Amino acid sequence: MKKLILRTKICAAAMSISSLIASPALALDEVIQASFFPYANSKPAFDGLSVGLVIDQSNVAEFKDIIDPAFYSFIEKGWTSITVGDTSSLELHQSYIDASAKGYGNVQLGKETGEIIGWQAGRPFPAEPSNEDARAGEKLAWNYKYGYNWGDSAAISPFYWKYKNMESAKVERTIKFNFHFLNFKGRVIQQPTPEIIPNPSDLFRSIYVQVLAPDDVRNTQLLIHRAADDLKRDNSWLYLGFQRRVRRLATGQVTDAFLGSDLMIEDFEGYNGRISDMNWKYKSTRYMLMPFFNHNDLTLDNETHEDEDGYKVVAFSGKGDCFPNITWQLRKVYEVEAMPVNESHPLSKRVHFMDAQTFTIPRTVSYDRKGTMWKTFTIGQTHPDHHLPANKGSGVSIDDAFSMIDVQANHCTTGQFKGQVDPELSPPSMFSVQHLRATGS
C-alpha cells in the first residue's frame, strides 16, 4: 500500500507533464509551477507518517521506502533517529524563477557532456525528467550547478568543522573557517546583473576559504575559479600560512582529504566539480524524508559557538555526536547517480538525492572503487525566513549544518554554520590570487 501511494503520486506528476506536450500554450506556466511550487496543491503523505513522529530503531522498517539506504541503516543500528517536521514550501527568489521562465525552451545540451547552449540565468531545465531521456541525469546536474544555492553571493562566517571518533565521540580537532561564494554569471538579485564585468577569465563561480584557527593551520586559504566553459578545468590555489606562499592545486588534490577531514574539496555543497567529470544517470523521482527545517524552531547548541549577536548553531547528537539535531520533511526528490569519468578517482559513484524544489543536494551516499558504501553526506537546509534577519526574503535554501560520515573508518566530520546572504561580505576583489597574498602577508 505504501509503495502504491508513492507510485500514484509520481504517476500523477508524469501525467501532468504529458499534458503539457498536448497543450503547448500552457506549457511554460505549468512547467514553472510544477518545478518551483511542487507543494502548491497538496503536501506529500505516507501511511503512518505524521508531524512530530520520531522514527527510530523500533519503527524504522515501516518507513523504509522514504529513507535513503544509508540513513536507514544508521537508524536500524540505533545510531540516530529522525523527527518528522511539516513539509514546507521553500520558494526561491522570484527573480530566479522569472529568469528560469524567460530561458525555458532556449537551453539545450551540446554534443558532449559538459556542453550547454543558450543558458543565461535561472534553472536551465525546469521540465520533469523522463526515464526515456538518456541525458535526463545530466540535465538535473545542470539544474544543480546553476541552482540558487547561496544565491548570487554569500558567506559562512564563522564556520566550525569538528573531526570526531564515532566510537568515543571524542572531538579530535576543531577548525574555524570563513567560506565565501560568488557567482560571476547568472546573477539575478545582487548588482551587477546578470554578470560581473570585467570578467576576463570568463568565470562562472568562485569559492574562497580562509582558516581562522587553530594556529597550526591559521590563514591557510583556498581559492577556486570555475570557468563558464565546463570543459575547462578549475583553477585552484592554496595559500599555506606557515610557508607564506601560494601554490596551484594539482587536479588530483580535489579528491584528497581536505585538511585531514572526511571531506574532499569535490564534496563541497554536495558536489563541487564539473559536469563533464561525471557520467550522470537519472534513477527515479521519489518522495523521501530530507533534512529541511526552520533553524529558529530548533533546540540549538547552548554550549559552544554562540556569537556576539546571540546566534546559536545547530546541535549534534547520536553515535559519536555525528548527527544534527534537526527535523526532516517528506519532500519530492530526484535520485541521480554520478559516476567518475576518470578511472583513478577514489569513488565508483555518488548517489545524490536532489531536492526537487530547491535543487540543493541534502543527501549523498558515496561508494568506493569496490562498490562498497564509504561515506554519507547530510547537509541540513533551513528556510531563510526562519534564520538570521538578514536572510529573510532572500529565497535561498540556507545550508545550516553538515555531517560527513566515513562508515568504513567509523569517523565523522561535522559542520556548524552561520550562513549570511550579504554581498558586502563577499566582494569580487576577495576572489583573486592577489587577495591570497595580501591576506597572508
Protein backbone atom coordinates (compact mmCIF):
# COMPACT_ATOMS: atom_id res chain seq x y z
CA MET A 1 0.00 0.00 0.00
CA LYS A 2 2.83 2.43 0.88
CA LYS A 3 4.60 1.82 -2.41
CA LEU A 4 1.27 2.24 -4.22
CA ILE A 5 0.79 5.68 -2.66
CA LEU A 6 4.23 6.78 -3.86
CA ARG A 7 3.72 5.35 -7.36
CA THR A 8 0.33 7.04 -7.62
CA LYS A 9 1.81 10.43 -6.79
CA ILE A 10 4.69 10.02 -9.21
CA CYS A 11 2.39 8.78 -11.99
CA ALA A 12 0.15 11.78 -11.42
CA ALA A 13 3.15 14.06 -11.86
CA ALA A 14 4.13 12.24 -15.06
CA MET A 15 0.59 12.57 -16.43
CA SER A 16 0.70 16.29 -15.66
CA ILE A 17 3.91 16.65 -17.67
CA SER A 18 2.41 14.62 -20.55
CA SER A 19 -0.49 17.04 -20.66
CA LEU A 20 1.97 19.87 -21.24
CA ILE A 21 3.03 18.30 -24.51
CA ALA A 22 -0.59 18.20 -25.64
CA SER A 23 -1.18 21.83 -24.61
CA PRO A 24 1.93 23.81 -25.60
CA ALA A 25 0.23 27.16 -24.90
CA LEU A 26 0.06 26.20 -21.22
CA ALA A 27 3.46 24.51 -21.12
CA LEU A 28 5.50 27.37 -19.71
CA ASP A 29 3.21 28.27 -16.81
CA GLU A 30 2.58 24.68 -15.86
CA VAL A 31 6.22 23.63 -16.08
CA ILE A 32 7.35 26.55 -13.93
CA GLN A 33 4.56 25.94 -11.43
CA ALA A 34 5.41 22.24 -11.13
CA SER A 35 9.14 22.90 -10.82
CA PHE A 36 9.14 25.72 -8.29
CA PHE A 37 5.90 25.15 -6.38
CA PRO A 38 5.55 21.35 -6.05
CA TYR A 39 3.50 21.62 -2.84
CA ALA A 40 1.09 24.32 -4.01
CA ASN A 41 -1.90 22.00 -4.31
CA SER A 42 -1.11 19.37 -1.70
CA LYS A 43 1.64 18.12 0.55
CA PRO A 44 3.07 14.62 0.13
CA ALA A 45 1.85 11.97 2.54
CA PHE A 46 2.89 8.50 3.58
CA ASP A 47 0.90 5.95 5.54
CA GLY A 48 1.61 6.31 9.27
CA LEU A 49 3.79 9.41 8.92
CA SER A 50 2.82 12.48 10.94
CA VAL A 51 4.43 15.70 12.13
CA GLY A 52 6.29 15.14 15.38
CA LEU A 53 6.71 11.40 14.87
CA VAL A 54 10.08 10.04 15.94
CA ILE A 55 11.41 7.34 13.63
CA ASP A 56 13.88 5.16 15.49
CA GLN A 57 15.11 1.60 15.68
CA SER A 58 11.70 0.38 16.83
CA ASN A 59 9.62 1.57 13.86
CA VAL A 60 12.03 2.40 11.03
CA ALA A 61 11.04 -0.66 9.00
CA GLU A 62 7.62 0.93 8.42
CA PHE A 63 9.26 3.85 6.60
CA LYS A 64 11.98 2.11 4.61
CA ASP A 65 10.53 3.35 1.30
CA ILE A 66 11.02 7.03 2.19
CA ILE A 67 14.52 6.94 3.75
CA ASP A 68 17.71 6.59 1.75
CA PRO A 69 19.53 3.28 2.34
CA ALA A 70 22.50 4.73 4.22
CA PHE A 71 20.46 6.72 6.69
CA TYR A 72 18.05 3.81 7.08
CA SER A 73 20.97 1.64 8.16
CA PHE A 74 22.02 4.24 10.76
CA ILE A 75 18.56 4.28 12.31
CA GLU A 76 18.26 0.50 12.13
CA LYS A 77 21.52 0.16 14.10
CA GLY A 78 20.30 2.63 16.72
CA TRP A 79 22.86 5.28 15.85
CA THR A 80 20.30 8.07 15.41
CA SER A 81 16.63 8.85 14.84
CA ILE A 82 14.52 11.15 12.68
CA THR A 83 11.93 13.62 13.98
CA VAL A 84 9.36 14.40 11.30
CA GLY A 85 8.60 18.04 10.54
CA ASP A 86 5.86 19.63 8.47
CA THR A 87 6.61 19.79 4.73
CA SER A 88 7.06 23.46 3.90
CA SER A 89 7.46 25.21 0.58
CA LEU A 90 10.87 26.82 0.30
CA GLU A 91 10.24 29.19 -2.56
CA LEU A 92 13.28 30.56 -4.36
CA HIS A 93 13.55 34.25 -5.16
CA GLN A 94 11.04 35.42 -7.76
CA SER A 95 13.81 36.91 -9.89
CA TYR A 96 15.41 33.46 -10.22
CA ILE A 97 12.04 31.94 -11.12
CA ASP A 98 11.44 34.69 -13.70
CA ALA A 99 14.88 34.06 -15.23
CA SER A 100 14.04 30.35 -15.47
CA ALA A 101 10.77 31.13 -17.26
CA LYS A 102 12.50 33.52 -19.63
CA GLY A 103 15.07 30.92 -20.61
CA TYR A 104 12.68 27.98 -20.86
CA GLY A 105 12.92 26.34 -24.27
CA ASN A 106 16.08 28.25 -25.20
CA VAL A 107 18.52 25.98 -23.35
CA GLN A 108 19.80 22.70 -24.72
CA LEU A 109 22.66 20.31 -24.15
CA GLY A 110 25.61 20.20 -26.51
CA LYS A 111 27.04 17.06 -28.06
CA GLU A 112 29.45 16.37 -25.22
CA THR A 113 28.72 16.03 -21.52
CA GLY A 114 29.55 19.44 -20.08
CA GLU A 115 28.33 21.45 -23.07
CA ILE A 116 25.26 23.64 -22.69
CA ILE A 117 23.82 26.11 -25.17
CA GLY A 118 21.58 29.11 -24.61
CA TRP A 119 21.70 29.46 -20.82
CA GLN A 120 21.76 32.97 -19.36
CA ALA A 121 20.33 32.63 -15.85
CA GLY A 122 17.85 30.59 -13.82
CA ARG A 123 17.07 26.87 -13.85
CA PRO A 124 18.08 25.59 -17.30
CA PHE A 125 15.81 22.51 -17.45
CA PRO A 126 12.71 23.03 -15.28
CA ALA A 127 10.59 20.33 -17.00
CA GLU A 128 10.16 16.98 -15.24
CA PRO A 129 12.89 14.43 -16.03
CA SER A 130 11.95 11.34 -18.01
CA ASN A 131 13.39 7.83 -17.93
CA GLU A 132 13.09 7.86 -21.71
CA ASP A 133 15.60 10.72 -21.89
CA ALA A 134 19.13 9.25 -21.85
CA ARG A 135 20.55 12.62 -20.71
CA ALA A 136 17.98 13.37 -18.01
CA GLY A 137 20.59 12.93 -15.28
CA GLU A 138 22.90 15.42 -16.96
CA LYS A 139 20.08 17.97 -17.14
CA LEU A 140 19.42 17.57 -13.43
CA ALA A 141 23.14 18.08 -12.78
CA TRP A 142 22.98 21.37 -14.69
CA ASN A 143 19.96 22.40 -12.64
CA TYR A 144 22.09 21.87 -9.55
CA LYS A 145 25.13 23.69 -10.93
CA TYR A 146 23.04 26.68 -12.00
CA GLY A 147 20.84 26.48 -8.92
CA TYR A 148 20.20 29.19 -6.35
CA ASN A 149 22.32 27.63 -3.59
CA TRP A 150 23.69 30.65 -1.69
CA GLY A 151 22.15 32.99 -4.29
CA ASP A 152 24.45 35.37 -6.18
CA SER A 153 26.90 35.53 -3.27
CA ALA A 154 27.03 34.65 0.40
CA ALA A 155 29.34 33.86 3.29
CA ILE A 156 29.53 31.26 6.01
CA SER A 157 31.19 33.26 8.72
CA PRO A 158 32.12 31.68 11.03
CA PHE A 159 32.06 28.01 10.05
CA TYR A 160 33.15 25.30 12.52
CA TRP A 161 34.34 21.84 11.45
CA LYS A 162 34.81 19.14 14.07
CA TYR A 163 36.63 15.86 13.48
CA LYS A 164 35.12 13.10 15.63
CA ASN A 165 35.75 9.50 16.54
CA MET A 166 32.35 7.79 16.26
CA GLU A 167 33.13 5.19 18.93
CA SER A 168 34.28 7.54 21.66
CA ALA A 169 32.58 10.77 20.47
CA LYS A 170 35.92 12.45 21.12
CA VAL A 171 36.41 15.70 19.20
CA GLU A 172 39.89 15.26 17.77
CA ARG A 173 40.13 18.67 16.14
CA THR A 174 38.10 21.83 15.59
CA ILE A 175 38.82 24.14 12.67
CA LYS A 176 37.23 27.57 12.36
CA PHE A 177 36.75 28.87 8.82
CA ASN A 178 35.22 31.60 6.75
CA PHE A 179 33.74 30.38 3.44
CA HIS A 180 32.71 32.81 0.69
CA PHE A 181 30.80 32.17 -2.56
CA LEU A 182 30.40 34.43 -5.59
CA ASN A 183 28.63 33.93 -8.90
CA PHE A 184 30.18 35.89 -11.75
CA LYS A 185 27.44 34.89 -14.21
CA GLY A 186 23.74 34.05 -13.98
CA ARG A 187 23.21 36.72 -11.31
CA VAL A 188 19.58 37.63 -10.70
CA ILE A 189 19.42 39.74 -7.50
CA GLN A 190 22.64 41.38 -6.39
CA GLN A 191 24.03 44.09 -8.63
CA PRO A 192 25.51 43.90 -11.13
CA THR A 193 23.23 41.53 -13.05
CA PRO A 194 23.43 39.27 -14.98
CA GLU A 195 27.25 39.25 -14.87
CA ILE A 196 30.15 40.89 -13.08
CA ILE A 197 32.16 42.96 -15.55
CA PRO A 198 35.06 42.81 -16.24
CA ASN A 199 35.34 39.03 -16.22
CA PRO A 200 38.50 38.42 -18.29
CA SER A 201 38.81 34.75 -17.30
CA ASP A 202 35.15 34.12 -18.21
CA LEU A 203 34.38 32.67 -14.78
CA PHE A 204 31.04 31.27 -13.70
CA ARG A 205 31.67 30.95 -9.96
CA SER A 206 34.35 31.19 -7.31
CA ILE A 207 34.83 29.91 -3.77
CA TYR A 208 37.23 31.42 -1.25
CA VAL A 209 38.08 29.74 2.06
CA GLN A 210 40.16 31.08 4.94
CA VAL A 211 41.16 29.18 8.09
CA LEU A 212 40.92 31.28 11.26
CA ALA A 213 42.00 28.69 13.84
CA PRO A 214 43.84 26.70 15.20
CA ASP A 215 47.28 28.25 14.95
CA ASP A 216 48.99 25.39 13.10
CA VAL A 217 46.75 25.92 10.04
CA ARG A 218 45.68 29.51 10.64
CA ASN A 219 45.48 31.60 7.47
CA THR A 220 45.51 28.58 5.17
CA GLN A 221 43.45 29.78 2.22
CA LEU A 222 41.79 28.07 -0.73
CA LEU A 223 40.62 29.77 -3.92
CA ILE A 224 38.64 28.01 -6.64
CA HIS A 225 37.84 29.54 -10.03
CA ARG A 226 35.24 27.67 -12.07
CA ALA A 227 35.13 28.63 -15.75
CA ALA A 228 31.87 29.27 -17.56
CA ASP A 229 33.04 26.62 -20.03
CA ASP A 230 32.54 23.38 -18.13
CA LEU A 231 35.07 21.57 -20.33
CA LYS A 232 37.83 23.78 -18.90
CA ARG A 233 39.41 22.60 -15.69
CA ASP A 234 39.03 24.60 -12.50
CA ASN A 235 41.91 26.79 -11.46
CA SER A 236 42.55 26.33 -7.74
CA TRP A 237 45.17 27.78 -5.43
CA LEU A 238 46.18 27.06 -1.86
CA TYR A 239 47.94 29.53 0.40
CA LEU A 240 49.79 27.85 3.24
CA GLY A 241 50.21 30.26 6.13
CA PHE A 242 53.25 28.52 7.62
CA GLN A 243 55.03 28.62 4.23
CA ARG A 244 53.73 32.06 3.24
CA ARG A 245 53.34 31.15 -0.38
CA VAL A 246 50.63 30.41 -2.91
CA ARG A 247 50.71 27.19 -4.90
CA ARG A 248 48.40 25.91 -7.58
CA LEU A 249 46.48 22.76 -6.71
CA ALA A 250 47.00 19.73 -8.89
CA THR A 251 43.84 18.23 -10.36
CA GLY A 252 44.01 15.11 -8.19
CA GLN A 253 44.13 17.07 -4.95
CA VAL A 254 40.42 17.91 -5.10
CA THR A 255 39.75 14.26 -4.21
CA ASP A 256 42.20 14.16 -1.30
CA ALA A 257 41.05 14.59 2.30
CA PHE A 258 40.80 18.36 2.83
CA LEU A 259 42.90 19.40 5.84
CA GLY A 260 42.65 15.87 7.21
CA SER A 261 38.84 15.88 7.33
CA ASP A 262 36.41 13.32 5.92
CA LEU A 263 35.60 15.68 3.01
CA MET A 264 37.17 16.14 -0.38
CA ILE A 265 37.13 19.59 -1.99
CA GLU A 266 34.95 17.88 -4.60
CA ASP A 267 32.37 17.15 -1.86
CA PHE A 268 31.67 20.80 -1.01
CA GLU A 269 27.94 21.69 -1.21
CA GLY A 270 27.11 18.11 -2.22
CA TYR A 271 29.16 18.17 -5.41
CA ASN A 272 31.84 20.71 -6.22
CA GLY A 273 33.13 19.66 -9.61
CA ARG A 274 32.50 19.91 -13.31
CA ILE A 275 29.52 18.32 -15.02
CA SER A 276 31.98 16.82 -17.51
CA ASP A 277 33.87 14.98 -14.73
CA MET A 278 30.95 12.59 -14.21
CA ASN A 279 28.57 10.35 -16.10
CA TRP A 280 25.10 11.24 -14.85
CA LYS A 281 22.15 8.89 -14.62
CA TYR A 282 18.63 9.78 -13.54
CA LYS A 283 17.25 6.93 -11.43
CA SER A 284 13.85 8.00 -10.13
CA THR A 285 11.55 10.64 -8.74
CA ARG A 286 10.71 9.84 -5.13
CA TYR A 287 9.13 11.24 -2.01
CA MET A 288 11.68 10.99 0.79
CA LEU A 289 12.44 12.36 4.21
CA MET A 290 15.01 15.10 3.77
CA PRO A 291 16.86 17.32 6.29
CA PHE A 292 14.79 20.52 5.93
CA PHE A 293 13.78 22.61 8.95
CA ASN A 294 13.35 26.07 10.44
CA HIS A 295 16.54 26.99 12.31
CA ASN A 296 14.81 29.26 14.81
CA ASP A 297 12.39 26.50 15.82
CA LEU A 298 15.12 24.03 16.77
CA THR A 299 16.66 23.31 20.15
CA LEU A 300 20.06 24.78 19.35
CA ASP A 301 23.57 24.33 20.73
CA ASN A 302 23.72 26.24 24.03
CA GLU A 303 27.24 25.17 24.91
CA THR A 304 29.50 26.21 22.03
CA HIS A 305 29.95 28.83 19.34
CA GLU A 306 27.37 31.41 20.37
CA ASP A 307 28.16 34.68 18.57
CA GLU A 308 28.07 38.19 19.97
CA ASP A 309 24.68 38.73 18.34
CA GLY A 310 23.25 35.71 20.16
CA TYR A 311 23.19 33.46 17.10
CA LYS A 312 23.37 29.77 18.03
CA VAL A 313 24.41 26.91 15.77
CA VAL A 314 22.69 23.56 15.26
CA ALA A 315 23.43 20.96 17.95
CA PHE A 316 24.58 17.37 17.31
CA SER A 317 23.87 14.04 18.98
CA GLY A 318 23.58 10.34 18.13
CA LYS A 319 26.51 7.98 17.76
CA GLY A 320 29.72 9.92 18.08
CA ASP A 321 27.72 13.19 18.13
CA CYS A 322 27.77 12.85 14.34
CA PHE A 323 24.10 13.62 13.63
CA PRO A 324 22.49 17.09 13.58
CA ASN A 325 19.51 17.67 15.90
CA ILE A 326 17.06 18.74 13.22
CA THR A 327 13.67 17.82 11.80
CA TRP A 328 13.14 16.07 8.47
CA GLN A 329 10.43 16.76 5.88
CA LEU A 330 8.79 14.46 3.35
CA ARG A 331 9.78 16.07 0.07
CA LYS A 332 9.93 15.46 -3.66
CA VAL A 333 13.39 14.21 -4.61
CA TYR A 334 15.32 13.27 -7.75
CA GLU A 335 17.69 10.33 -7.29
CA VAL A 336 20.75 10.75 -9.54
CA GLU A 337 23.91 8.66 -9.89
CA ALA A 338 27.20 10.36 -10.71
CA MET A 339 30.00 8.04 -11.86
CA PRO A 340 33.50 9.49 -12.33
CA VAL A 341 34.90 9.57 -15.85
CA ASN A 342 38.45 9.24 -14.52
CA GLU A 343 39.14 5.61 -13.60
CA SER A 344 41.66 6.67 -10.96
CA HIS A 345 39.01 8.55 -8.98
CA PRO A 346 38.70 7.16 -5.42
CA LEU A 347 34.92 6.72 -5.81
CA SER A 348 32.99 4.40 -8.08
CA LYS A 349 29.90 6.59 -7.78
CA ARG A 350 27.93 9.05 -5.73
CA VAL A 351 24.18 8.74 -5.35
CA HIS A 352 22.72 12.22 -4.96
CA PHE A 353 19.25 12.85 -3.59
CA MET A 354 18.45 16.27 -5.08
CA ASP A 355 15.62 18.30 -3.60
CA ALA A 356 13.22 18.93 -6.49
CA GLN A 357 12.14 22.40 -5.36
CA THR A 358 15.48 23.97 -4.42
CA PHE A 359 17.96 21.75 -6.33
CA THR A 360 20.20 21.59 -3.31
CA ILE A 361 21.78 18.20 -2.51
CA PRO A 362 20.90 17.49 1.14
CA ARG A 363 21.81 13.79 0.98
CA THR A 364 24.62 11.99 -0.85
CA VAL A 365 25.89 8.44 -0.47
CA SER A 366 29.37 7.67 -1.85
CA TYR A 367 30.81 4.28 -2.79
CA ASP A 368 34.46 3.21 -3.01
CA ARG A 369 36.10 1.65 -6.05
CA LYS A 370 34.85 -1.79 -5.00
CA GLY A 371 31.27 -0.53 -4.91
CA THR A 372 31.04 -0.65 -1.12
CA MET A 373 29.38 2.20 0.78
CA TRP A 374 32.10 4.51 2.04
CA LYS A 375 30.77 7.92 3.03
CA THR A 376 27.41 9.55 3.55
CA PHE A 377 26.84 13.30 3.50
CA THR A 378 23.98 15.22 5.11
CA ILE A 379 23.59 18.96 4.52
CA GLY A 380 20.77 20.38 6.62
CA GLN A 381 18.67 23.07 4.90
CA THR A 382 16.87 25.84 6.74
CA HIS A 383 14.20 28.18 5.40
CA PRO A 384 15.75 31.68 5.12
CA ASP A 385 12.73 33.36 6.70
CA HIS A 386 13.34 31.39 9.91
CA HIS A 387 17.02 32.13 10.29
CA LEU A 388 19.04 35.35 10.54
CA PRO A 389 17.03 38.54 9.88
CA ALA A 390 19.43 39.43 7.03
CA ASN A 391 18.46 36.23 5.17
CA LYS A 392 14.71 36.83 5.29
CA GLY A 393 13.21 37.21 1.83
CA SER A 394 16.40 36.06 0.09
CA GLY A 395 14.78 32.91 -1.31
CA VAL A 396 17.98 30.99 -0.55
CA SER A 397 17.82 27.50 0.94
CA ILE A 398 20.40 28.08 3.68
CA ASP A 399 22.98 25.36 4.37
CA ASP A 400 22.85 25.18 8.16
CA ALA A 401 24.67 22.03 9.35
CA PHE A 402 26.53 19.13 7.78
CA SER A 403 27.72 15.67 8.69
CA MET A 404 30.12 13.62 6.59
CA ILE A 405 30.35 10.10 7.97
CA ASP A 406 33.04 7.65 6.90
CA VAL A 407 31.27 4.38 7.68
CA GLN A 408 34.40 2.34 6.98
CA ALA A 409 36.65 4.32 9.33
CA ASN A 410 33.91 4.89 11.94
CA HIS A 411 34.70 8.60 11.83
CA CYS A 412 32.86 11.80 11.00
CA THR A 413 33.37 15.48 10.29
CA THR A 414 30.55 17.82 11.30
CA GLY A 415 29.90 21.41 10.30
CA GLN A 416 28.10 24.18 12.20
CA PHE A 417 27.17 27.24 10.16
CA LYS A 418 26.38 30.90 10.31
CA GLY A 419 25.32 31.44 6.70
CA GLN A 420 24.74 35.02 5.62
CA VAL A 421 23.36 36.24 2.28
CA ASP A 422 25.11 39.61 2.30
CA PRO A 423 27.03 40.85 -0.78
CA GLU A 424 29.23 43.12 1.35
CA LEU A 425 30.80 40.04 2.95
CA SER A 426 31.97 38.63 -0.41
CA PRO A 427 33.25 41.42 -2.70
CA PRO A 428 34.68 40.36 -6.09
CA SER A 429 38.16 41.54 -5.06
CA MET A 430 38.26 38.76 -2.46
CA PHE A 431 38.27 36.07 -5.16
CA SER A 432 41.75 36.65 -6.55
CA VAL A 433 45.26 35.28 -6.09
CA GLN A 434 46.35 38.80 -5.16
CA HIS A 435 43.93 38.69 -2.22
CA LEU A 436 45.50 35.42 -1.02
CA ARG A 437 48.91 37.01 -0.99
CA ALA A 438 47.74 40.26 0.59
CA THR A 439 45.78 38.49 3.32
CA GLY A 440 48.59 36.07 4.04
CA SER A 441 51.39 38.59 4.25
